[in-house]
Protein backbone atom coordinates (compact mmCIF):
# COMPACT_ATOMS: atom_id res chain seq x y z
CA MET A 1 -16.50 21.96 -7.95
CA ALA A 2 -20.10 22.37 -6.77
CA THR A 3 -21.40 21.09 -10.15
CA VAL A 4 -19.28 17.99 -9.91
CA MET A 5 -20.51 17.38 -6.29
CA GLN A 6 -24.04 17.76 -7.41
CA LYS A 7 -23.59 15.29 -10.20
CA ILE A 8 -22.07 12.74 -7.80
CA LYS A 9 -25.01 13.27 -5.50
CA ASP A 10 -27.48 12.96 -8.30
CA ILE A 11 -25.98 9.68 -9.39
CA GLU A 12 -25.86 8.36 -5.88
CA ASP A 13 -29.44 9.12 -5.27
CA GLU A 14 -30.40 7.49 -8.63
CA MET A 15 -28.38 4.39 -7.76
CA ALA A 16 -30.08 4.24 -4.36
CA ARG A 17 -33.62 4.39 -6.06
CA THR A 18 -32.68 1.77 -8.78
CA GLN A 19 -33.66 -1.83 -7.81
CA LYS A 20 -30.90 -4.28 -8.12
CA ASN A 21 -31.76 -7.12 -10.55
CA LYS A 22 -30.63 -8.54 -14.00
CA ALA A 23 -32.78 -6.06 -15.83
CA THR A 24 -31.05 -2.97 -14.20
CA ALA A 25 -27.46 -4.37 -14.09
CA HIS A 26 -26.61 -2.67 -17.36
CA HIS A 27 -27.99 0.69 -16.07
CA LEU A 28 -26.28 0.41 -12.76
CA GLY A 29 -22.90 -0.56 -14.46
CA LEU A 30 -22.95 2.67 -16.51
CA LEU A 31 -23.89 4.83 -13.50
CA LYS A 32 -21.06 3.19 -11.52
CA ALA A 33 -18.69 4.17 -14.35
CA LYS A 34 -19.93 7.88 -14.32
CA LEU A 35 -19.50 8.04 -10.63
CA ALA A 36 -15.88 6.71 -10.68
CA LYS A 37 -15.08 9.30 -13.41
CA LEU A 38 -16.56 12.25 -11.46
CA ARG A 39 -14.86 11.27 -8.40
CA ARG A 40 -11.49 11.08 -10.17
CA GLU A 41 -12.32 14.53 -11.81
CA LEU A 42 -13.15 15.86 -8.19
CA LEU A 43 -9.74 14.84 -6.89
CA THR A 44 -7.42 15.38 -9.76
CA PRO A 45 -7.51 19.14 -10.04
CA ALA A 46 -6.84 19.61 -6.23
CA SER A 47 -3.57 17.49 -6.52
CA LYS A 48 -2.28 19.96 -9.08
CA GLY A 49 -3.09 23.04 -7.08
CA ALA A 50 -0.45 25.28 -5.62
CA GLY A 51 0.29 25.52 -1.97
CA GLY A 52 -0.82 22.18 -0.70
CA GLY A 53 -4.14 21.55 -2.33
CA ALA A 54 -6.61 19.50 -0.62
CA GLY A 55 -5.99 16.40 -2.81
CA GLU A 56 -2.36 16.21 -1.58
CA GLY A 57 -1.25 14.09 1.27
CA PHE A 58 0.52 15.47 4.48
CA ASP A 59 4.17 16.01 3.77
CA VAL A 60 5.60 13.34 6.04
CA THR A 61 8.95 11.64 5.01
CA LYS A 62 8.55 7.85 4.75
CA SER A 63 10.84 6.26 7.28
CA GLY A 64 11.63 2.83 8.59
CA ASP A 65 10.67 -0.46 6.90
CA SER A 66 6.92 -0.05 6.54
CA ARG A 67 4.28 2.34 7.12
CA VAL A 68 0.99 2.11 9.21
CA GLY A 69 -1.75 4.74 9.00
CA LEU A 70 -4.16 5.14 11.85
CA VAL A 71 -7.55 6.11 10.43
CA GLY A 72 -10.69 6.87 12.35
CA PHE A 73 -13.41 9.40 13.35
CA PRO A 74 -12.25 12.17 15.83
CA SER A 75 -11.77 11.11 19.46
CA VAL A 76 -11.63 7.44 19.11
CA GLY A 77 -8.16 7.27 20.70
CA LYS A 78 -5.75 7.28 17.63
CA SER A 79 -3.39 9.71 19.49
CA THR A 80 -3.36 7.75 22.69
CA LEU A 81 -2.68 4.66 20.80
CA LEU A 82 0.17 6.23 19.11
CA ASN A 83 1.65 7.57 22.32
CA LYS A 84 1.39 4.33 23.97
CA LEU A 85 2.97 2.49 21.13
CA THR A 86 5.75 4.66 20.13
CA GLY A 87 6.19 7.07 22.97
CA THR A 88 5.65 10.06 20.42
CA PHE A 89 3.71 12.79 21.85
CA SER A 90 0.37 13.47 19.98
CA GLU A 91 -1.97 15.74 21.72
CA VAL A 92 -4.87 14.13 23.48
CA ALA A 93 -8.15 15.54 24.50
CA SER A 94 -11.76 14.59 25.10
CA TYR A 95 -13.11 16.95 22.54
CA GLU A 96 -12.99 16.23 18.94
CA PHE A 97 -10.40 17.36 16.15
CA THR A 98 -7.37 17.54 18.58
CA THR A 99 -4.89 16.35 15.84
CA LEU A 100 -4.82 18.78 12.95
CA THR A 101 -1.93 17.41 11.19
CA CYS A 102 -0.12 14.11 10.63
CA ILE A 103 1.96 13.04 13.62
CA PRO A 104 4.43 10.23 12.81
CA GLY A 105 6.03 7.91 15.27
CA VAL A 106 8.36 4.94 14.96
CA ILE A 107 8.19 1.69 16.76
CA THR A 108 10.88 -1.19 16.43
CA TYR A 109 9.12 -4.50 16.55
CA ARG A 110 10.86 -7.82 15.74
CA GLY A 111 13.93 -5.90 14.35
CA ALA A 112 11.82 -3.95 12.01
CA LYS A 113 11.20 -0.12 12.16
CA ILE A 114 7.62 0.59 11.64
CA GLN A 115 6.40 4.21 11.11
CA LEU A 116 2.78 4.87 12.59
CA LEU A 117 1.09 7.96 11.41
CA ASP A 118 -1.72 9.48 13.50
CA LEU A 119 -3.89 11.09 10.78
CA PRO A 120 -6.43 13.79 11.83
CA GLY A 121 -9.96 12.28 12.44
CA ILE A 122 -11.95 11.99 9.24
CA ILE A 123 -15.55 12.83 8.74
CA GLU A 124 -18.36 11.84 6.57
CA GLY A 125 -17.86 13.31 3.21
CA ALA A 126 -14.06 13.27 3.56
CA LYS A 127 -13.68 11.76 -0.05
CA ASP A 128 -15.81 14.79 -1.42
CA GLY A 129 -13.47 17.24 0.24
CA LYS A 130 -15.05 17.84 3.50
CA GLY A 131 -12.82 18.77 6.61
CA ARG A 132 -9.18 17.62 5.68
CA GLY A 133 -10.53 14.43 4.34
CA ARG A 134 -8.67 14.28 1.11
CA GLN A 135 -5.25 14.97 2.71
CA VAL A 136 -5.99 12.19 5.34
CA ILE A 137 -6.99 9.70 2.80
CA SER A 138 -4.29 10.63 0.31
CA THR A 139 -1.60 9.77 3.11
CA ALA A 140 -3.56 6.57 3.80
CA ARG A 141 -2.96 5.55 0.10
CA THR A 142 0.85 5.57 1.00
CA CYS A 143 0.60 3.26 3.81
CA ASN A 144 1.57 -0.53 3.80
CA CYS A 145 -1.30 -1.36 6.40
CA ILE A 146 -4.20 0.70 7.58
CA LEU A 147 -5.40 0.64 11.27
CA ILE A 148 -9.01 1.62 11.40
CA VAL A 149 -9.43 2.80 15.11
CA LEU A 150 -13.11 2.29 16.22
CA ASP A 151 -14.69 3.36 19.53
CA ALA A 152 -16.29 0.20 21.20
CA ILE A 153 -19.16 2.38 22.77
CA LYS A 154 -20.00 4.18 19.40
CA PRO A 155 -22.21 2.51 16.67
CA ILE A 156 -20.57 -0.18 14.72
CA THR A 157 -21.98 1.59 11.64
CA HIS A 158 -18.93 3.90 12.07
CA LYS A 159 -16.86 1.26 10.34
CA ARG A 160 -18.82 0.99 7.33
CA LEU A 161 -18.84 4.94 6.93
CA ILE A 162 -14.96 5.00 7.06
CA GLU A 163 -14.90 2.05 4.57
CA LYS A 164 -16.95 3.93 2.19
CA GLU A 165 -14.88 7.18 2.46
CA LEU A 166 -11.64 5.02 1.79
CA GLU A 167 -13.23 3.16 -0.99
CA GLY A 168 -14.31 6.57 -2.64
CA PHE A 169 -10.57 7.43 -2.80
CA GLY A 170 -9.50 4.24 -4.71
CA ILE A 171 -8.59 2.34 -1.43
CA ARG A 172 -9.49 -1.33 -1.36
CA LEU A 173 -9.32 -2.99 2.05
CA ASN A 174 -8.41 -6.61 2.49
CA LYS A 175 -8.96 -7.27 -1.09
CA GLU A 176 -6.71 -8.70 -3.91
CA PRO A 177 -6.67 -7.02 -7.33
CA PRO A 178 -9.26 -8.16 -9.65
CA ASN A 179 -8.35 -11.37 -11.33
CA LEU A 180 -9.25 -10.03 -14.93
CA THR A 181 -7.40 -9.23 -18.12
CA PHE A 182 -8.24 -5.79 -19.77
CA ARG A 183 -6.40 -4.92 -22.72
CA ARG A 184 -7.13 -2.10 -25.34
CA LYS A 185 -6.65 -2.70 -28.95
CA ASP A 186 -6.91 -0.65 -32.22
CA LYS A 187 -9.96 -2.56 -33.76
CA GLY A 188 -12.10 -5.53 -33.44
CA GLY A 189 -14.87 -4.03 -31.00
CA ILE A 190 -15.29 -5.42 -27.54
CA ASN A 191 -14.32 -9.03 -27.09
CA PHE A 192 -15.69 -10.47 -23.81
CA THR A 193 -14.66 -13.94 -22.68
CA SER A 194 -14.88 -15.71 -19.34
CA THR A 195 -13.64 -19.16 -17.81
CA VAL A 196 -16.44 -19.25 -15.40
CA THR A 197 -20.26 -18.69 -15.36
CA ASN A 198 -20.97 -14.89 -14.93
CA THR A 199 -23.76 -14.05 -12.71
CA LEU A 200 -22.94 -10.21 -12.22
CA LEU A 201 -21.56 -9.02 -15.71
CA ASP A 202 -22.78 -9.49 -19.18
CA LEU A 203 -21.60 -8.23 -22.54
CA GLU A 204 -24.08 -5.49 -22.64
CA THR A 205 -22.99 -4.00 -19.23
CA VAL A 206 -19.23 -4.46 -20.31
CA LYS A 207 -20.10 -2.47 -23.55
CA ALA A 208 -21.84 0.15 -21.50
CA ILE A 209 -19.08 0.63 -19.06
CA CYS A 210 -16.28 0.62 -21.78
CA SER A 211 -18.35 3.22 -23.80
CA GLU A 212 -18.57 5.61 -20.72
CA TYR A 213 -14.65 5.67 -20.96
CA ARG A 214 -14.73 5.98 -24.74
CA ILE A 215 -13.31 2.52 -25.22
CA HIS A 216 -14.56 0.91 -28.27
CA ASN A 217 -12.07 -1.87 -28.79
CA ALA A 218 -10.70 -4.04 -26.18
CA ASP A 219 -10.07 -7.69 -24.98
CA ILE A 220 -11.63 -8.50 -21.74
CA SER A 221 -11.19 -11.95 -20.05
CA LEU A 222 -12.50 -13.10 -16.61
CA ARG A 223 -11.09 -15.82 -14.42
CA TYR A 224 -13.87 -15.42 -11.56
CA ASP A 225 -17.51 -14.03 -11.26
CA ALA A 226 -16.47 -10.43 -11.46
CA THR A 227 -18.63 -7.31 -10.82
CA ALA A 228 -18.98 -4.05 -12.68
CA ASP A 229 -16.91 -2.39 -9.92
CA ASP A 230 -14.11 -4.81 -10.54
CA LEU A 231 -14.10 -3.87 -14.17
CA ILE A 232 -14.32 -0.20 -13.39
CA ASP A 233 -11.24 -0.52 -11.01
CA VAL A 234 -9.05 -2.18 -13.57
CA ILE A 235 -10.04 0.37 -16.27
CA GLU A 236 -9.24 3.10 -13.89
CA GLY A 237 -6.03 1.70 -12.82
CA SER A 238 -5.34 3.84 -9.75
CA ARG A 239 -6.71 1.61 -7.05
CA VAL A 240 -4.42 0.52 -4.08
CA TYR A 241 -4.95 -2.69 -2.22
CA ILE A 242 -3.97 -2.35 1.42
CA PRO A 243 -4.49 -4.74 4.27
CA CYS A 244 -6.58 -3.45 7.05
CA ILE A 245 -6.92 -4.15 10.88
CA TYR A 246 -9.93 -2.66 12.86
CA ALA A 247 -8.64 -1.77 16.35
CA VAL A 248 -11.58 -1.51 18.57
CA ASN A 249 -10.47 0.74 21.35
CA LYS A 250 -12.25 1.52 24.78
CA ILE A 251 -13.12 -2.15 25.38
CA ASP A 252 -12.81 -1.33 29.09
CA GLN A 253 -16.10 0.42 28.76
CA ILE A 254 -18.06 -2.45 27.31
CA THR A 255 -19.59 -5.89 28.71
CA PHE A 256 -17.80 -9.33 28.35
CA GLU A 257 -20.69 -10.44 26.12
CA GLU A 258 -20.21 -7.34 23.79
CA LEU A 259 -16.54 -8.19 23.65
CA GLU A 260 -17.27 -11.84 22.54
CA ILE A 261 -19.37 -10.75 19.73
CA LEU A 262 -16.49 -8.45 18.56
CA ASP A 263 -13.96 -11.14 18.89
CA LYS A 264 -15.87 -13.14 16.10
CA LEU A 265 -15.60 -10.46 13.50
CA PRO A 266 -12.84 -10.68 10.80
CA HIS A 267 -9.72 -8.31 10.99
CA TYR A 268 -10.50 -7.19 14.35
CA CYS A 269 -8.37 -6.46 17.27
CA PRO A 270 -9.97 -5.35 20.61
CA VAL A 271 -7.64 -2.82 22.70
CA SER A 272 -7.82 -0.24 25.38
CA ALA A 273 -5.03 2.15 24.41
CA HIS A 274 -5.79 4.09 27.89
CA LEU A 275 -5.21 0.96 30.08
CA GLU A 276 -2.71 -0.53 27.65
CA TRP A 277 -4.70 -3.72 27.23
CA ASN A 278 -3.91 -6.02 24.32
CA LEU A 279 -1.25 -3.74 22.66
CA ASP A 280 1.03 -6.58 22.29
CA GLY A 281 -1.77 -8.58 20.63
CA LEU A 282 -2.27 -5.41 18.17
CA LEU A 283 1.37 -5.33 17.41
CA GLU A 284 1.36 -8.94 16.48
CA LYS A 285 -1.55 -8.56 14.18
CA VAL A 286 0.13 -5.60 12.51
CA TRP A 287 3.20 -7.60 11.96
CA GLU A 288 1.19 -10.40 10.41
CA TYR A 289 -0.78 -8.18 8.05
CA LEU A 290 2.45 -6.22 7.06
CA ASP A 291 3.75 -9.75 5.95
CA LEU A 292 7.49 -8.88 6.48
CA THR A 293 10.52 -11.12 5.99
CA ARG A 294 13.63 -10.65 8.34
CA ILE A 295 16.89 -11.67 6.65
CA TYR A 296 20.15 -11.63 8.72
CA THR A 297 23.49 -10.63 7.09
CA LYS A 298 26.53 -12.89 7.79
CA PRO A 299 30.08 -11.32 6.76
CA LYS A 300 32.48 -13.69 5.61
CA GLY A 301 34.37 -15.40 8.69
CA LEU A 302 31.98 -13.71 11.21
CA ASN A 303 28.76 -14.67 12.99
CA PRO A 304 25.41 -13.55 11.66
CA ASP A 305 24.25 -10.18 12.71
CA TYR A 306 21.03 -10.98 14.47
CA GLU A 307 20.63 -7.42 15.83
CA ASP A 308 19.82 -5.50 12.56
CA PRO A 309 18.03 -7.68 10.06
CA VAL A 310 17.41 -6.54 6.44
CA ILE A 311 13.56 -6.22 6.20
CA LEU A 312 11.89 -7.41 2.93
CA SER A 313 8.27 -7.53 1.73
CA SER A 314 7.45 -11.29 1.50
CA LYS A 315 6.12 -10.57 -1.90
CA LYS A 316 9.68 -9.25 -3.11
CA SER A 317 12.05 -11.50 -1.15
CA SER A 318 14.56 -12.91 -3.58
CA VAL A 319 18.29 -12.75 -3.14
CA GLU A 320 18.40 -9.97 -5.75
CA ASP A 321 15.64 -7.99 -3.55
CA PHE A 322 18.01 -8.44 -0.73
CA CYS A 323 21.07 -7.28 -2.48
CA ASP A 324 19.02 -4.11 -3.75
CA ARG A 325 18.00 -3.32 -0.18
CA ILE A 326 21.51 -3.35 0.96
CA HIS A 327 23.03 -1.07 -1.97
CA LYS A 328 21.81 -0.55 -5.51
CA ASP A 329 25.27 -1.71 -7.06
CA MET A 330 25.57 -4.90 -5.13
CA VAL A 331 23.77 -7.03 -7.80
CA LYS A 332 26.44 -5.89 -10.37
CA GLN A 333 29.10 -7.40 -8.06
CA PHE A 334 27.11 -10.53 -7.13
CA LYS A 335 28.65 -13.94 -7.83
CA TYR A 336 26.61 -16.14 -5.66
CA ALA A 337 25.15 -16.31 -2.04
CA LEU A 338 25.26 -18.79 0.67
CA VAL A 339 21.91 -19.27 2.52
CA TRP A 340 21.13 -20.96 5.75
CA GLY A 341 17.58 -21.16 7.00
CA SER A 342 14.21 -22.56 6.04
CA SER A 343 14.61 -21.65 2.46
CA ALA A 344 17.72 -23.64 1.85
CA LYS A 345 17.79 -27.50 1.18
CA HIS A 346 21.01 -28.09 2.89
CA LYS A 347 23.02 -25.57 5.20
CA PRO A 348 24.60 -23.55 3.63
CA GLN A 349 23.11 -23.79 0.29
CA ARG A 350 24.70 -21.89 -2.79
CA VAL A 351 21.95 -20.06 -4.58
CA GLY A 352 21.75 -17.59 -7.46
CA LYS A 353 19.99 -14.11 -7.24
CA GLU A 354 16.61 -15.49 -8.21
CA HIS A 355 16.42 -17.84 -5.01
CA GLU A 356 13.47 -16.93 -2.73
CA LEU A 357 14.33 -16.19 0.80
CA GLU A 358 12.13 -16.98 3.70
CA ASP A 359 11.67 -15.29 7.24
CA GLU A 360 14.97 -15.32 9.42
CA ASP A 361 17.15 -16.87 6.71
CA VAL A 362 20.83 -15.98 7.11
CA VAL A 363 22.67 -14.75 3.79
CA GLN A 364 26.19 -14.34 2.90
CA ILE A 365 26.87 -12.63 -0.34
CA ILE A 366 30.02 -13.79 -2.37
CA LYS A 367 31.22 -10.97 -4.78
CA LYS A 368 33.10 -11.24 -7.99
CA VAL A 369 36.89 -10.97 -7.67
């Protein structure tokens, strides 16, 4: 373990010393590939170890329609935030490391049950196994949205430190998967094509990265100006892309001018958990980032049930997805559906299982006789 850690440090030091320009792009690409492989090597054995190895997440049963993880340094107010939002008791104190395990709580918002996880405070070096960092970040990988809780009176550099820890564990915040195609083949060497002008990747760098992974035959096609990191992410194949909100807590302790500066930053939501300021605004932002769709059911001959919607991800919101959410065998009995709402051209519209539903549609399933 120590040797892998030392290798990681040596590569990071070399990367910090290397000037970034076209001449060094190939060398830096190679170092980044080596670093990604070492990080994977550091984390993989731990997840296979007995008795809850450091690479495993906390054993918290996933419940509700979506999961939001509260991540941050110790004593930034995660526990207070969980207590105020969900009524779940998570120990609060002014000293660091109060929460030593993962505390779950559930909040019902706009008909959806959202599970909030108060994760123990992470420290710098978490991705390399310091503290309980790997357990925290492993659990964060299972979340549909991450809430990074920052202390308004602490340096804003804490934000970048937490991002670095999460990125080191393969979590990509507020990013889409790289728009590039990577396909291994049996022969023909490395075939590198692009539909745009590349300023960050060239054939030599691509070959160096592939060589580090012992890939000698592959087709790689870019649709945008991709980086070496993007290519490594696709080859590694274990990255997760999660929306993230930065909840800046303790805003009651800063000036109005400082608050105005924070307000201009992307993905930010200022709150005071202790005084319960702007918690509604935070929940609204969480709802927006989770991107959920509420579908109401209408039994035959009855009014729609507006109390208990079926919650779908907007990326998987077809009538078939709706049927699967209710019961796995419903699709087998499906004949057609009647839909009322913004996705219907007329009300009701008779549709098949491929029809895409929109938020607050009403659906009646007609089964085969």
